[in-house]
Amino acid sequence: MSLACYEIIGRDGEWRVSHDGKADNAYETIEAAFGAAVAAASLALRQGHAVSVTAPNRSTATGAANVEYCGT
């Protein structure tokens, strides 16, 4: 099976989980977006996929300086 990548992107008040080129739902906090990403990753694991979840640290709140783990 393939690698399922979930990346937390955004800024305060509008965090999103990017997966397969989509980031549909907005979350108020980074923690809420992270929880949603982990739930999705858990389902992907059950389906046999390898998973990667990444989130920016507080000093890179926009996610601009994140290291790309998926697809690079």
PDB file of N, CA and C in Angstrom:
ATOM      1  N   MET A   1       0.839  -1.188   0.000  1.00  0.00           N
ATOM      2  CA  MET A   1       0.000   0.000   0.000  1.00  0.00           C
ATOM      3  C   MET A   1       0.881   1.247   0.000  1.00  0.00           C
ATOM      4  N   SER A   2       0.255   2.373  -0.179  1.00  0.00           N
ATOM      5  CA  SER A   2       0.971   3.635  -0.316  1.00  0.00           C
ATOM      6  C   SER A   2       1.121   4.376   1.014  1.00  0.00           C
ATOM      7  N   LEU A   3       1.808   5.500   0.927  1.00  0.00           N
ATOM      8  CA  LEU A   3       2.013   6.369   2.073  1.00  0.00           C
ATOM      9  C   LEU A   3       0.904   7.416   2.106  1.00  0.00           C
ATOM     10  N   ALA A   4       0.201   7.517   3.219  1.00  0.00           N
ATOM     11  CA  ALA A   4      -0.833   8.542   3.409  1.00  0.00           C
ATOM     12  C   ALA A   4      -0.218   9.679   4.222  1.00  0.00           C
ATOM     13  N   CYS A   5      -0.157  10.873   3.635  1.00  0.00           N
ATOM     14  CA  CYS A   5       0.473  12.029   4.274  1.00  0.00           C
ATOM     15  C   CYS A   5      -0.580  13.036   4.709  1.00  0.00           C
ATOM     16  N   TYR A   6      -0.456  13.494   5.937  1.00  0.00           N
ATOM     17  CA  TYR A   6      -1.349  14.499   6.501  1.00  0.00           C
ATOM     18  C   TYR A   6      -0.480  15.634   7.029  1.00  0.00           C
ATOM     19  N   GLU A   7      -0.706  16.852   6.526  1.00  0.00           N
ATOM     20  CA  GLU A   7       0.107  17.997   6.924  1.00  0.00           C
ATOM     21  C   GLU A   7      -0.800  19.092   7.481  1.00  0.00           C
ATOM     22  N   ILE A   8      -0.489  19.560   8.679  1.00  0.00           N
ATOM     23  CA  ILE A   8      -1.228  20.650   9.283  1.00  0.00           C
ATOM     24  C   ILE A   8      -0.702  21.958   8.699  1.00  0.00           C
ATOM     25  N   ILE A   9      -1.605  22.771   8.151  1.00  0.00           N
ATOM     26  CA  ILE A   9      -1.220  24.046   7.547  1.00  0.00           C
ATOM     27  C   ILE A   9      -2.156  25.138   8.050  1.00  0.00           C
ATOM     28  N   GLY A  10      -1.747  26.376   7.960  1.00  0.00           N
ATOM     29  CA  GLY A  10      -2.618  27.494   8.287  1.00  0.00           C
ATOM     30  C   GLY A  10      -2.021  28.462   9.271  1.00  0.00           C
ATOM     31  N   ARG A  11      -2.924  29.118   9.990  1.00  0.00           N
ATOM     32  CA  ARG A  11      -2.536  30.113  10.998  1.00  0.00           C
ATOM     33  C   ARG A  11      -3.641  30.162  12.046  1.00  0.00           C
ATOM     34  N   ASP A  12      -3.420  30.918  13.107  1.00  0.00           N
ATOM     35  CA  ASP A  12      -4.382  30.993  14.204  1.00  0.00           C
ATOM     36  C   ASP A  12      -5.795  31.238  13.690  1.00  0.00           C
ATOM     37  N   GLY A  13      -6.722  30.418  14.150  1.00  0.00           N
ATOM     38  CA  GLY A  13      -8.126  30.565  13.772  1.00  0.00           C
ATOM     39  C   GLY A  13      -8.536  29.852  12.518  1.00  0.00           C
ATOM     40  N   GLU A  14      -7.575  29.414  11.706  1.00  0.00           N
ATOM     41  CA  GLU A  14      -7.902  28.720  10.459  1.00  0.00           C
ATOM     42  C   GLU A  14      -6.835  27.692  10.105  1.00  0.00           C
ATOM     43  N   TRP A  15      -6.840  26.605  10.832  1.00  0.00           N
ATOM     44  CA  TRP A  15      -5.912  25.502  10.578  1.00  0.00           C
ATOM     45  C   TRP A  15      -6.596  24.472   9.700  1.00  0.00           C
ATOM     46  N   ARG A  16      -5.831  23.818   8.849  1.00  0.00           N
ATOM     47  CA  ARG A  16      -6.367  22.801   7.941  1.00  0.00           C
ATOM     48  C   ARG A  16      -5.456  21.588   7.922  1.00  0.00           C
ATOM     49  N   VAL A  17      -6.028  20.478   7.485  1.00  0.00           N
ATOM     50  CA  VAL A  17      -5.270  19.246   7.297  1.00  0.00           C
ATOM     51  C   VAL A  17      -5.195  19.003   5.797  1.00  0.00           C
ATOM     52  N   SER A  18      -4.004  19.072   5.248  1.00  0.00           N
ATOM     53  CA  SER A  18      -3.800  18.829   3.827  1.00  0.00           C
ATOM     54  C   SER A  18      -3.541  17.340   3.603  1.00  0.00           C
ATOM     55  N   HIS A  19      -4.301  16.754   2.673  1.00  0.00           N
ATOM     56  CA  HIS A  19      -4.147  15.338   2.322  1.00  0.00           C
ATOM     57  C   HIS A  19      -4.596  15.162   0.880  1.00  0.00           C
ATOM     58  N   ASP A  20      -3.763  14.542   0.079  1.00  0.00           N
ATOM     59  CA  ASP A  20      -4.064  14.314  -1.341  1.00  0.00           C
ATOM     60  C   ASP A  20      -4.423  15.606  -2.078  1.00  0.00           C
ATOM     61  N   GLY A  21      -3.735  16.690  -1.744  1.00  0.00           N
ATOM     62  CA  GLY A  21      -3.960  17.957  -2.426  1.00  0.00           C
ATOM     63  C   GLY A  21      -5.201  18.704  -1.990  1.00  0.00           C
ATOM     64  N   LYS A  22      -5.878  18.218  -0.967  1.00  0.00           N
ATOM     65  CA  LYS A  22      -7.090  18.867  -0.473  1.00  0.00           C
ATOM     66  C   LYS A  22      -6.916  19.274   0.980  1.00  0.00           C
ATOM     67  N   ALA A  23      -7.531  20.395   1.342  1.00  0.00           N
ATOM     68  CA  ALA A  23      -7.520  20.873   2.727  1.00  0.00           C
ATOM     69  C   ALA A  23      -8.866  21.532   2.988  1.00  0.00           C
ATOM     70  N   ASP A  24      -9.926  20.729   2.983  1.00  0.00           N
ATOM     71  CA  ASP A  24     -11.289  21.243   3.001  1.00  0.00           C
ATOM     72  C   ASP A  24     -11.735  21.846   4.327  1.00  0.00           C
ATOM     73  N   ASN A  25     -11.602  21.138   5.419  1.00  0.00           N
ATOM     74  CA  ASN A  25     -12.145  21.577   6.701  1.00  0.00           C
ATOM     75  C   ASN A  25     -11.208  22.540   7.418  1.00  0.00           C
ATOM     76  N   ALA A  26     -11.786  23.562   8.051  1.00  0.00           N
ATOM     77  CA  ALA A  26     -11.007  24.520   8.841  1.00  0.00           C
ATOM     78  C   ALA A  26     -11.237  24.250  10.322  1.00  0.00           C
ATOM     79  N   TYR A  27     -10.171  24.404  11.122  1.00  0.00           N
ATOM     80  CA  TYR A  27     -10.224  24.175  12.565  1.00  0.00           C
ATOM     81  C   TYR A  27      -9.748  25.428  13.278  1.00  0.00           C
ATOM     82  N   GLU A  28     -10.344  25.706  14.409  1.00  0.00           N
ATOM     83  CA  GLU A  28     -10.023  26.900  15.195  1.00  0.00           C
ATOM     84  C   GLU A  28      -8.603  26.845  15.766  1.00  0.00           C
ATOM     85  N   THR A  29      -8.167  25.652  16.183  1.00  0.00           N
ATOM     86  CA  THR A  29      -6.847  25.520  16.805  1.00  0.00           C
ATOM     87  C   THR A  29      -5.996  24.488  16.069  1.00  0.00           C
ATOM     88  N   ILE A  30      -4.692  24.616  16.230  1.00  0.00           N
ATOM     89  CA  ILE A  30      -3.776  23.640  15.645  1.00  0.00           C
ATOM     90  C   ILE A  30      -3.984  22.263  16.279  1.00  0.00           C
ATOM     91  N   GLU A  31      -4.354  22.254  17.557  1.00  0.00           N
ATOM     92  CA  GLU A  31      -4.577  20.984  18.252  1.00  0.00           C
ATOM     93  C   GLU A  31      -5.794  20.254  17.689  1.00  0.00           C
ATOM     94  N   ALA A  32      -6.836  21.011  17.350  1.00  0.00           N
ATOM     95  CA  ALA A  32      -8.022  20.392  16.748  1.00  0.00           C
ATOM     96  C   ALA A  32      -7.695  19.808  15.379  1.00  0.00           C
ATOM     97  N   ALA A  33      -6.914  20.535  14.589  1.00  0.00           N
ATOM     98  CA  ALA A  33      -6.508  20.030  13.279  1.00  0.00           C
ATOM     99  C   ALA A  33      -5.634  18.795  13.435  1.00  0.00           C
ATOM    100  N   PHE A  34      -4.755  18.811  14.421  1.00  0.00           N
ATOM    101  CA  PHE A  34      -3.890  17.657  14.666  1.00  0.00           C
ATOM    102  C   PHE A  34      -4.726  16.431  15.049  1.00  0.00           C
ATOM    103  N   GLY A  35      -5.721  16.628  15.901  1.00  0.00           N
ATOM    104  CA  GLY A  35      -6.600  15.527  16.288  1.00  0.00           C
ATOM    105  C   GLY A  35      -7.310  14.922  15.090  1.00  0.00           C
ATOM    106  N   ALA A  36      -7.781  15.779  14.186  1.00  0.00           N
ATOM    107  CA  ALA A  36      -8.444  15.296  12.973  1.00  0.00           C
ATOM    108  C   ALA A  36      -7.463  14.529  12.087  1.00  0.00           C
ATOM    109  N   ALA A  37      -6.231  15.024  11.982  1.00  0.00           N
ATOM    110  CA  ALA A  37      -5.213  14.348  11.168  1.00  0.00           C
ATOM    111  C   ALA A  37      -4.876  12.978  11.745  1.00  0.00           C
ATOM    112  N   VAL A  38      -4.750  12.904  13.055  1.00  0.00           N
ATOM    113  CA  VAL A  38      -4.422  11.625  13.697  1.00  0.00           C
ATOM    114  C   VAL A  38      -5.563  10.630  13.526  1.00  0.00           C
ATOM    115  N   ALA A  39      -6.803  11.091  13.620  1.00  0.00           N
ATOM    116  CA  ALA A  39      -7.948  10.200  13.406  1.00  0.00           C
ATOM    117  C   ALA A  39      -7.941   9.648  11.981  1.00  0.00           C
ATOM    118  N   ALA A  40      -7.680  10.515  11.006  1.00  0.00           N
ATOM    119  CA  ALA A  40      -7.611  10.071   9.615  1.00  0.00           C
ATOM    120  C   ALA A  40      -6.439   9.118   9.393  1.00  0.00           C
ATOM    121  N   ALA A  41      -5.309   9.420  10.021  1.00  0.00           N
ATOM    122  CA  ALA A  41      -4.131   8.556   9.894  1.00  0.00           C
ATOM    123  C   ALA A  41      -4.399   7.183  10.508  1.00  0.00           C
ATOM    124  N   SER A  42      -5.134   7.148  11.595  1.00  0.00           N
ATOM    125  CA  SER A  42      -5.476   5.885  12.233  1.00  0.00           C
ATOM    126  C   SER A  42      -6.296   5.003  11.292  1.00  0.00           C
ATOM    127  N   LEU A  43      -7.250   5.603  10.602  1.00  0.00           N
ATOM    128  CA  LEU A  43      -8.044   4.845   9.623  1.00  0.00           C
ATOM    129  C   LEU A  43      -7.167   4.338   8.489  1.00  0.00           C
ATOM    130  N   ALA A  44      -6.248   5.184   8.022  1.00  0.00           N
ATOM    131  CA  ALA A  44      -5.341   4.779   6.945  1.00  0.00           C
ATOM    132  C   ALA A  44      -4.459   3.603   7.381  1.00  0.00           C
ATOM    133  N   LEU A  45      -4.005   3.634   8.632  1.00  0.00           N
ATOM    134  CA  LEU A  45      -3.199   2.520   9.158  1.00  0.00           C
ATOM    135  C   LEU A  45      -3.995   1.221   9.133  1.00  0.00           C
ATOM    136  N   ARG A  46      -5.255   1.292   9.544  1.00  0.00           N
ATOM    137  CA  ARG A  46      -6.111   0.094   9.536  1.00  0.00           C
ATOM    138  C   ARG A  46      -6.300  -0.460   8.135  1.00  0.00           C
ATOM    139  N   GLN A  47      -6.226   0.424   7.141  1.00  0.00           N
ATOM    140  CA  GLN A  47      -6.369   0.009   5.752  1.00  0.00           C
ATOM    141  C   GLN A  47      -5.055  -0.495   5.166  1.00  0.00           C
ATOM    142  N   GLY A  48      -3.983  -0.465   5.961  1.00  0.00           N
ATOM    143  CA  GLY A  48      -2.708  -1.005   5.511  1.00  0.00           C
ATOM    144  C   GLY A  48      -1.726   0.005   4.956  1.00  0.00           C
ATOM    145  N   HIS A  49      -2.038   1.275   5.017  1.00  0.00           N
ATOM    146  CA  HIS A  49      -1.130   2.314   4.518  1.00  0.00           C
ATOM    147  C   HIS A  49      -0.073   2.661   5.563  1.00  0.00           C
ATOM    148  N   ALA A  50       1.077   3.094   5.114  1.00  0.00           N
ATOM    149  CA  ALA A  50       2.037   3.770   5.982  1.00  0.00           C
ATOM    150  C   ALA A  50       1.514   5.199   6.115  1.00  0.00           C
ATOM    151  N   VAL A  51       1.781   5.869   7.236  1.00  0.00           N
ATOM    152  CA  VAL A  51       1.266   7.227   7.418  1.00  0.00           C
ATOM    153  C   VAL A  51       2.353   8.183   7.884  1.00  0.00           C
ATOM    154  N   SER A  52       2.135   9.450   7.578  1.00  0.00           N
ATOM    155  CA  SER A  52       2.992  10.532   8.056  1.00  0.00           C
ATOM    156  C   SER A  52       2.088  11.697   8.434  1.00  0.00           C
ATOM    157  N   VAL A  53       2.281  12.235   9.652  1.00  0.00           N
ATOM    158  CA  VAL A  53       1.550  13.414  10.108  1.00  0.00           C
ATOM    159  C   VAL A  53       2.588  14.466  10.475  1.00  0.00           C
ATOM    160  N   THR A  54       2.489  15.657   9.872  1.00  0.00           N
ATOM    161  CA  THR A  54       3.427  16.726  10.197  1.00  0.00           C
ATOM    162  C   THR A  54       2.646  17.976  10.598  1.00  0.00           C
ATOM    163  N   ALA A  55       3.257  18.738  11.499  1.00  0.00           N
ATOM    164  CA  ALA A  55       2.654  19.988  11.964  1.00  0.00           C
ATOM    165  C   ALA A  55       3.769  20.988  12.214  1.00  0.00           C
ATOM    166  N   PRO A  56       3.477  22.283  11.967  1.00  0.00           N
ATOM    167  CA  PRO A  56       4.496  23.298  12.216  1.00  0.00           C
ATOM    168  C   PRO A  56       4.692  23.525  13.710  1.00  0.00           C
ATOM    169  N   ASN A  57       5.878  23.945  14.087  1.00  0.00           N
ATOM    170  CA  ASN A  57       6.069  24.337  15.488  1.00  0.00           C
ATOM    171  C   ASN A  57       5.578  25.764  15.659  1.00  0.00           C
ATOM    172  N   ARG A  58       5.566  26.248  16.857  1.00  0.00           N
ATOM    173  CA  ARG A  58       5.020  27.580  17.133  1.00  0.00           C
ATOM    174  C   ARG A  58       5.796  28.699  16.440  1.00  0.00           C
ATOM    175  N   SER A  59       7.075  28.511  16.195  1.00  0.00           N
ATOM    176  CA  SER A  59       7.850  29.582  15.558  1.00  0.00           C
ATOM    177  C   SER A  59       7.646  29.636  14.050  1.00  0.00           C
ATOM    178  N   THR A  60       7.054  28.600  13.465  1.00  0.00           N
ATOM    179  CA  THR A  60       6.741  28.600  12.037  1.00  0.00           C
ATOM    180  C   THR A  60       5.238  28.416  11.870  1.00  0.00           C
ATOM    181  N   ALA A  61       4.470  29.282  12.479  1.00  0.00           N
ATOM    182  CA  ALA A  61       3.021  29.130  12.554  1.00  0.00           C
ATOM    183  C   ALA A  61       2.331  29.047  11.201  1.00  0.00           C
ATOM    184  N   THR A  62       2.911  29.610  10.166  1.00  0.00           N
ATOM    185  CA  THR A  62       2.274  29.518   8.854  1.00  0.00           C
ATOM    186  C   THR A  62       2.563  28.198   8.178  1.00  0.00           C
ATOM    187  N   GLY A  63       3.536  27.454   8.696  1.00  0.00           N
ATOM    188  CA  GLY A  63       3.914  26.200   8.078  1.00  0.00           C
ATOM    189  C   GLY A  63       4.896  26.375   6.937  1.00  0.00           C
ATOM    190  N   ALA A  64       5.296  27.622   6.654  1.00  0.00           N
ATOM    191  CA  ALA A  64       6.148  27.904   5.512  1.00  0.00           C
ATOM    192  C   ALA A  64       7.506  27.231   5.591  1.00  0.00           C
ATOM    193  N   ALA A  65       8.040  27.075   6.792  1.00  0.00           N
ATOM    194  CA  ALA A  65       9.373  26.509   6.926  1.00  0.00           C
ATOM    195  C   ALA A  65       9.338  25.010   7.248  1.00  0.00           C
ATOM    196  N   ASN A  66       8.180  24.394   7.099  1.00  0.00           N
ATOM    197  CA  ASN A  66       8.086  22.958   7.400  1.00  0.00           C
ATOM    198  C   ASN A  66       8.970  22.146   6.478  1.00  0.00           C
ATOM    199  N   VAL A  67       9.518  21.090   7.004  1.00  0.00           N
ATOM    200  CA  VAL A  67      10.274  20.149   6.198  1.00  0.00           C
ATOM    201  C   VAL A  67       9.280  19.247   5.485  1.00  0.00           C
ATOM    202  N   GLU A  68       9.469  19.035   4.208  1.00  0.00           N
ATOM    203  CA  GLU A  68       8.592  18.157   3.448  1.00  0.00           C
ATOM    204  C   GLU A  68       9.024  16.714   3.639  1.00  0.00           C
ATOM    205  N   TYR A  69       8.170  15.877   4.217  1.00  0.00           N
ATOM    206  CA  TYR A  69       8.475  14.472   4.406  1.00  0.00           C
ATOM    207  C   TYR A  69       7.804  13.614   3.371  1.00  0.00           C
ATOM    208  N   CYS A  70       6.660  14.033   2.885  1.00  0.00           N
ATOM    209  CA  CYS A  70       5.891  13.244   1.925  1.00  0.00           C
ATOM    210  C   CYS A  70       6.145  13.751   0.515  1.00  0.00           C
ATOM    211  N   GLY A  71       6.458  12.863  -0.353  1.00  0.00           N
ATOM    212  CA  GLY A  71       6.634  13.236  -1.744  1.00  0.00           C
ATOM    213  C   GLY A  71       7.960  13.880  -2.063  1.00  0.00           C
ATOM    214  N   THR A  72       8.885  13.910  -1.100  1.00  0.00           N
ATOM    215  CA  THR A  72      10.195  14.508  -1.411  1.00  0.00           C
ATOM    216  C   THR A  72      11.271  13.463  -1.233  1.00  0.00           C
TER     217      THR A  72
END
